[in-house]
N, C-alpha and C. Protein backbone atom coordinates (compact mmCIF):
# COMPACT_ATOMS: atom_id res chain seq x y z
N MET A 1 -8.62 39.17 -0.96
CA MET A 1 -7.00 39.34 -0.14
C MET A 1 -6.23 41.03 -1.07
N HIS A 2 -5.83 41.47 0.01
CA HIS A 2 -4.87 42.44 -0.64
C HIS A 2 -3.60 41.96 -1.74
N HIS A 3 -2.81 40.72 -1.16
CA HIS A 3 -1.78 40.40 -2.09
C HIS A 3 -1.63 38.98 -1.25
N LEU A 4 -1.33 37.76 -1.57
CA LEU A 4 -0.28 36.97 -0.91
C LEU A 4 -0.16 36.78 -0.03
N PHE A 5 0.63 37.62 0.42
CA PHE A 5 1.20 37.90 1.75
C PHE A 5 0.30 38.12 3.01
N THR A 6 -0.65 39.22 2.58
CA THR A 6 -1.75 39.62 3.80
C THR A 6 -1.93 38.40 4.18
N SER A 7 -2.15 38.25 5.45
CA SER A 7 -3.15 37.44 6.40
C SER A 7 -4.92 37.45 5.96
N PRO A 8 -5.30 36.34 5.89
CA PRO A 8 -6.73 36.56 5.69
C PRO A 8 -7.95 36.69 7.45
N PHE A 9 -8.92 36.64 7.35
CA PHE A 9 -9.51 36.79 8.93
C PHE A 9 -9.81 35.31 9.07
N ALA A 10 -9.49 35.36 11.08
CA ALA A 10 -9.15 33.56 10.71
C ALA A 10 -10.83 32.92 10.68
N GLU A 11 -11.81 33.98 10.59
CA GLU A 11 -13.17 33.15 10.33
C GLU A 11 -13.23 33.15 8.97
N ASP A 12 -12.23 33.49 7.86
CA ASP A 12 -12.34 33.61 6.89
C ASP A 12 -11.84 32.28 6.13
N LEU A 13 -10.87 32.11 6.89
CA LEU A 13 -9.62 30.94 6.58
C LEU A 13 -10.71 29.45 5.75
N PRO A 14 -11.83 28.88 6.19
CA PRO A 14 -12.38 28.11 5.51
C PRO A 14 -12.99 28.59 4.29
N LEU A 15 -13.01 29.56 3.87
CA LEU A 15 -13.86 29.99 2.28
C LEU A 15 -12.52 29.90 1.58
N LEU A 16 -11.21 30.20 2.09
CA LEU A 16 -10.29 30.00 1.02
C LEU A 16 -10.21 29.10 -0.40
N GLN A 17 -10.69 27.83 -0.45
CA GLN A 17 -10.75 26.73 -0.88
C GLN A 17 -12.30 27.12 -2.19
N SER A 18 -13.47 27.21 -0.72
CA SER A 18 -14.67 27.26 -1.53
C SER A 18 -15.29 28.74 -1.92
N ASP A 19 -14.90 29.70 -1.36
CA ASP A 19 -15.26 30.86 -1.69
C ASP A 19 -13.86 31.84 -1.60
N PRO A 20 -12.91 31.38 -2.67
CA PRO A 20 -11.52 32.76 -2.53
C PRO A 20 -12.51 34.07 -2.61
N GLY A 21 -13.06 34.15 -3.24
CA GLY A 21 -13.43 35.56 -3.46
C GLY A 21 -14.19 36.79 -2.20
N SER A 22 -14.54 35.46 -1.52
CA SER A 22 -15.47 36.26 -0.07
C SER A 22 -13.77 36.58 0.87
N VAL A 23 -12.76 35.98 1.16
CA VAL A 23 -12.74 36.05 2.30
C VAL A 23 -11.03 37.77 2.28
N ARG A 24 -11.71 38.25 2.83
CA ARG A 24 -11.16 39.20 3.80
C ARG A 24 -9.67 39.39 4.24
N SER A 25 -9.18 40.47 4.40
CA SER A 25 -7.83 40.71 4.49
C SER A 25 -7.83 41.66 5.50
N ARG A 26 -6.38 40.99 6.58
CA ARG A 26 -6.37 41.99 7.38
C ARG A 26 -4.97 43.05 7.11
N ALA A 27 -6.07 43.84 6.31
CA ALA A 27 -5.25 45.12 5.60
C ALA A 27 -5.90 46.21 6.18
N TYR A 28 -5.18 47.33 6.02
CA TYR A 28 -6.04 49.09 6.30
C TYR A 28 -5.43 49.83 5.93
N ASP A 29 -6.58 51.22 6.31
CA ASP A 29 -6.27 52.07 5.67
C ASP A 29 -6.06 52.88 6.47
N ILE A 30 -5.51 54.91 6.43
CA ILE A 30 -5.89 55.43 7.35
C ILE A 30 -6.02 56.53 6.17
N ILE A 31 -7.27 57.37 5.97
CA ILE A 31 -7.84 58.18 5.20
C ILE A 31 -7.95 59.46 6.07
N CYS A 32 -7.64 60.73 5.59
CA CYS A 32 -7.99 62.10 6.20
C CYS A 32 -8.16 62.48 4.78
N ASN A 33 -9.54 63.34 5.13
CA ASN A 33 -10.57 64.07 4.15
C ASN A 33 -10.82 63.14 2.68
N GLY A 34 -11.04 61.55 3.33
CA GLY A 34 -11.30 61.23 2.28
C GLY A 34 -10.13 60.72 1.75
N GLN A 35 -8.70 61.00 1.52
CA GLN A 35 -7.91 60.65 0.77
C GLN A 35 -7.05 59.76 1.50
N GLU A 36 -6.55 58.90 0.83
CA GLU A 36 -5.78 58.20 1.73
C GLU A 36 -4.41 58.13 2.39
N ILE A 37 -4.01 58.19 3.36
CA ILE A 37 -2.43 59.07 3.72
C ILE A 37 -1.46 57.88 3.78
N ALA A 38 -2.37 56.87 4.04
CA ALA A 38 -1.83 55.76 4.60
C ALA A 38 -2.20 54.52 4.95
N SER A 39 -1.46 52.86 4.69
CA SER A 39 -1.69 51.67 4.61
C SER A 39 -0.68 50.81 5.25
N GLY A 40 -1.45 49.52 5.14
CA GLY A 40 -0.52 48.55 5.91
C GLY A 40 -1.27 47.03 5.98
N SER A 41 -0.84 46.24 6.41
CA SER A 41 -1.61 44.88 6.84
C SER A 41 -0.56 44.22 7.67
N ILE A 42 -1.10 43.19 8.16
CA ILE A 42 -0.50 41.74 8.92
C ILE A 42 -0.22 40.83 7.97
N ARG A 43 0.89 40.36 8.15
CA ARG A 43 1.47 39.53 7.23
C ARG A 43 1.27 37.94 7.48
N ILE A 44 1.17 37.00 6.58
CA ILE A 44 0.79 35.75 6.79
C ILE A 44 2.15 35.29 7.44
N HIS A 45 1.74 34.79 8.75
CA HIS A 45 2.76 34.46 9.76
C HIS A 45 3.19 32.55 9.60
N SER A 46 1.94 32.11 9.41
CA SER A 46 1.85 30.43 9.38
C SER A 46 2.27 29.23 7.35
N ARG A 47 2.90 28.60 8.41
CA ARG A 47 3.16 27.73 7.01
C ARG A 47 1.84 26.90 6.34
N GLU A 48 0.74 26.97 7.56
CA GLU A 48 -0.15 26.47 6.95
C GLU A 48 -1.24 26.95 5.98
N ILE A 49 -1.41 28.67 6.81
CA ILE A 49 -2.20 29.39 6.10
C ILE A 49 -1.68 29.35 4.65
N LEU A 50 -0.05 30.21 4.44
CA LEU A 50 0.54 30.44 3.74
C LEU A 50 0.39 29.20 2.48
N GLU A 51 0.86 27.82 2.84
CA GLU A 51 0.17 26.77 1.81
C GLU A 51 -1.32 26.47 1.34
N SER A 52 -2.21 27.11 2.31
CA SER A 52 -3.36 27.08 1.58
C SER A 52 -3.59 28.57 0.53
N VAL A 53 -3.24 29.15 0.87
CA VAL A 53 -3.41 30.69 -0.31
C VAL A 53 -2.53 30.61 -1.30
N LEU A 54 -1.83 29.76 -1.49
CA LEU A 54 -0.77 29.49 -2.18
C LEU A 54 -1.05 28.10 -3.74
N ARG A 55 -2.17 26.95 -2.55
CA ARG A 55 -3.06 26.08 -3.32
C ARG A 55 -4.40 27.06 -4.00
N THR A 56 -4.71 27.62 -3.38
CA THR A 56 -5.85 28.47 -3.35
C THR A 56 -5.63 29.46 -5.35
N LEU A 57 -4.69 29.55 -5.52
CA LEU A 57 -4.13 29.76 -6.50
C LEU A 57 -3.53 28.78 -7.21
N GLY A 58 -3.64 27.47 -7.32
CA GLY A 58 -3.64 26.38 -8.23
C GLY A 58 -2.02 26.23 -8.06
N MET A 59 -1.05 26.45 -7.12
CA MET A 59 0.39 26.36 -6.81
C MET A 59 0.45 25.11 -6.30
N GLY A 60 1.11 24.30 -6.67
CA GLY A 60 1.19 23.40 -6.02
C GLY A 60 2.38 23.32 -5.07
N ILE A 61 2.41 21.90 -4.34
CA ILE A 61 3.71 22.20 -3.00
C ILE A 61 4.94 22.08 -3.47
N GLU A 62 5.12 21.40 -4.79
CA GLU A 62 6.95 21.41 -5.56
C GLU A 62 7.16 22.85 -5.99
N GLU A 63 6.12 23.85 -6.57
CA GLU A 63 6.15 25.13 -6.61
C GLU A 63 6.52 26.06 -5.98
N ALA A 64 5.64 25.73 -4.64
CA ALA A 64 5.86 26.64 -3.60
C ALA A 64 6.76 26.68 -3.10
N LYS A 65 7.91 25.43 -2.87
CA LYS A 65 8.90 25.06 -2.51
C LYS A 65 10.26 26.21 -3.25
N LEU A 66 9.41 25.73 -4.34
CA LEU A 66 10.16 26.27 -5.16
C LEU A 66 10.54 27.89 -5.05
N LYS A 67 9.76 28.46 -5.25
CA LYS A 67 9.48 29.97 -5.11
C LYS A 67 9.03 30.14 -3.59
N PHE A 68 8.88 30.10 -2.86
CA PHE A 68 8.85 30.23 -1.53
C PHE A 68 8.91 29.28 -0.44
N GLY A 69 10.12 28.31 -0.53
CA GLY A 69 10.35 27.48 0.57
C GLY A 69 10.94 28.25 1.86
N HIS A 70 11.93 29.49 0.81
CA HIS A 70 12.91 29.91 2.31
C HIS A 70 11.68 30.26 3.59
N MET A 71 10.13 30.87 3.07
CA MET A 71 9.82 30.99 3.93
C MET A 71 8.35 30.38 4.58
N LEU A 72 8.14 29.26 3.62
CA LEU A 72 7.84 27.76 4.33
C LEU A 72 8.49 27.41 5.58
N GLU A 73 9.49 27.43 4.75
CA GLU A 73 10.55 26.61 6.21
C GLU A 73 10.90 27.42 7.02
N ALA A 74 11.14 28.99 7.17
CA ALA A 74 11.08 29.53 8.79
C ALA A 74 9.83 29.73 8.94
N PHE A 75 8.62 29.52 8.09
CA PHE A 75 7.77 29.52 9.43
C PHE A 75 7.18 28.63 10.12
N THR A 76 8.28 27.28 10.11
CA THR A 76 8.22 25.68 10.62
C THR A 76 8.99 26.42 12.26
N PHE A 77 9.37 27.22 12.31
CA PHE A 77 10.61 27.69 13.50
C PHE A 77 9.68 28.83 14.61
N GLY A 78 8.84 29.32 13.62
CA GLY A 78 7.30 30.66 14.59
C GLY A 78 7.92 31.25 14.08
N ALA A 79 7.19 32.37 14.04
CA ALA A 79 7.10 33.45 13.78
C ALA A 79 6.21 34.54 13.92
N PRO A 80 6.32 35.90 14.29
CA PRO A 80 5.49 36.44 15.05
C PRO A 80 4.55 37.29 14.27
N PRO A 81 3.44 38.00 14.32
CA PRO A 81 3.02 38.38 13.17
C PRO A 81 3.52 39.91 12.75
N ALA A 82 3.66 40.13 11.49
CA ALA A 82 4.58 41.14 11.40
C ALA A 82 3.36 42.21 10.38
N ARG A 83 3.08 43.21 11.35
CA ARG A 83 2.59 44.49 10.93
C ARG A 83 3.36 45.52 9.63
N ARG A 84 2.66 45.90 8.72
CA ARG A 84 3.13 46.99 8.15
C ARG A 84 2.82 48.13 7.84
N TYR A 85 3.10 49.16 7.98
CA TYR A 85 2.53 50.21 7.87
C TYR A 85 2.84 51.06 7.22
N ARG A 86 2.61 51.74 5.63
CA ARG A 86 3.58 52.91 5.27
C ARG A 86 2.68 54.17 4.69
N ALA A 87 2.94 55.11 4.97
CA ALA A 87 2.80 56.18 4.49
C ALA A 87 3.37 56.22 2.92
N GLY A 88 1.59 57.20 2.15
CA GLY A 88 1.53 57.48 1.08
C GLY A 88 2.16 58.44 0.67
N ILE A 89 3.57 58.61 0.64
CA ILE A 89 4.44 59.87 0.09
C ILE A 89 3.42 60.41 -0.89
N ASP A 90 3.86 59.66 -2.12
CA ASP A 90 3.26 60.01 -3.16
C ASP A 90 2.41 60.55 -3.19
N ARG A 91 1.32 60.05 -3.03
CA ARG A 91 -0.23 60.49 -2.74
C ARG A 91 -0.28 61.81 -2.16
N THR A 92 0.49 61.82 -1.04
CA THR A 92 0.37 63.11 0.23
C THR A 92 1.19 64.40 -0.49
N SER A 93 2.08 64.13 -1.39
CA SER A 93 2.80 65.11 -1.85
C SER A 93 1.90 65.79 -2.63
N HIS A 94 1.41 65.06 -3.54
CA HIS A 94 0.85 65.19 -4.79
C HIS A 94 -0.51 65.93 -4.33
N ARG A 95 -1.34 65.47 -2.92
CA ARG A 95 -2.29 66.76 -2.57
C ARG A 95 -1.96 67.85 -1.78
N VAL A 96 -0.77 68.09 -1.41
CA VAL A 96 0.04 69.21 -0.43
C VAL A 96 0.75 69.95 -2.23
N GLY A 97 1.50 69.43 -2.40
CA GLY A 97 2.02 70.19 -3.37
C GLY A 97 1.04 70.33 -4.92
N GLU A 98 -0.29 69.57 -5.29
CA GLU A 98 -0.56 69.88 -6.80
C GLU A 98 0.50 69.43 -7.74
N ASP A 99 1.22 68.64 -7.79
CA ASP A 99 2.43 67.97 -8.39
C ASP A 99 1.50 67.87 -9.82
N ALA A 100 1.98 67.78 -10.56
CA ALA A 100 1.12 67.63 -11.99
C ALA A 100 1.36 66.61 -12.45
N LYS A 101 2.59 65.83 -11.65
CA LYS A 101 3.55 64.78 -12.56
C LYS A 101 3.05 63.19 -11.24
N ALA A 102 2.60 63.79 -10.11
CA ALA A 102 2.62 62.64 -9.85
C ALA A 102 0.94 62.17 -10.10
N ARG A 103 0.59 61.18 -9.84
CA ARG A 103 -1.20 60.64 -9.91
C ARG A 103 -1.42 59.86 -9.22
N VAL A 104 -2.62 59.79 -8.85
CA VAL A 104 -3.29 58.91 -7.47
C VAL A 104 -3.76 57.72 -8.33
N ALA A 105 -3.35 56.36 -8.07
CA ALA A 105 -3.63 55.03 -8.84
C ALA A 105 -5.07 54.59 -7.74
N HIS A 106 -6.02 53.96 -8.47
CA HIS A 106 -7.23 53.47 -7.77
C HIS A 106 -7.34 52.43 -8.16
């Protein structure tokens, strides 16, 4: 998965505990002429899924509550899927202006 807040594909949820390396994230990129110009993801919006991801990372419930309790509690009230999309301004400006100081991280 991309990061611990990116939602996994629903059909991959059973793999979180048994084969976490096979879990795909609901992340996406926009590519133009072979260059990434923007990226985004659908964030986790379920307490159960976030708890499962945190368990996969070896985090117990007490540590999870300490670090992410505000999110876990908020998800009990229901939350819509959050979709995030951001343009890669640094990458785009590098390509357009050939800025020697900007670098593309892979």
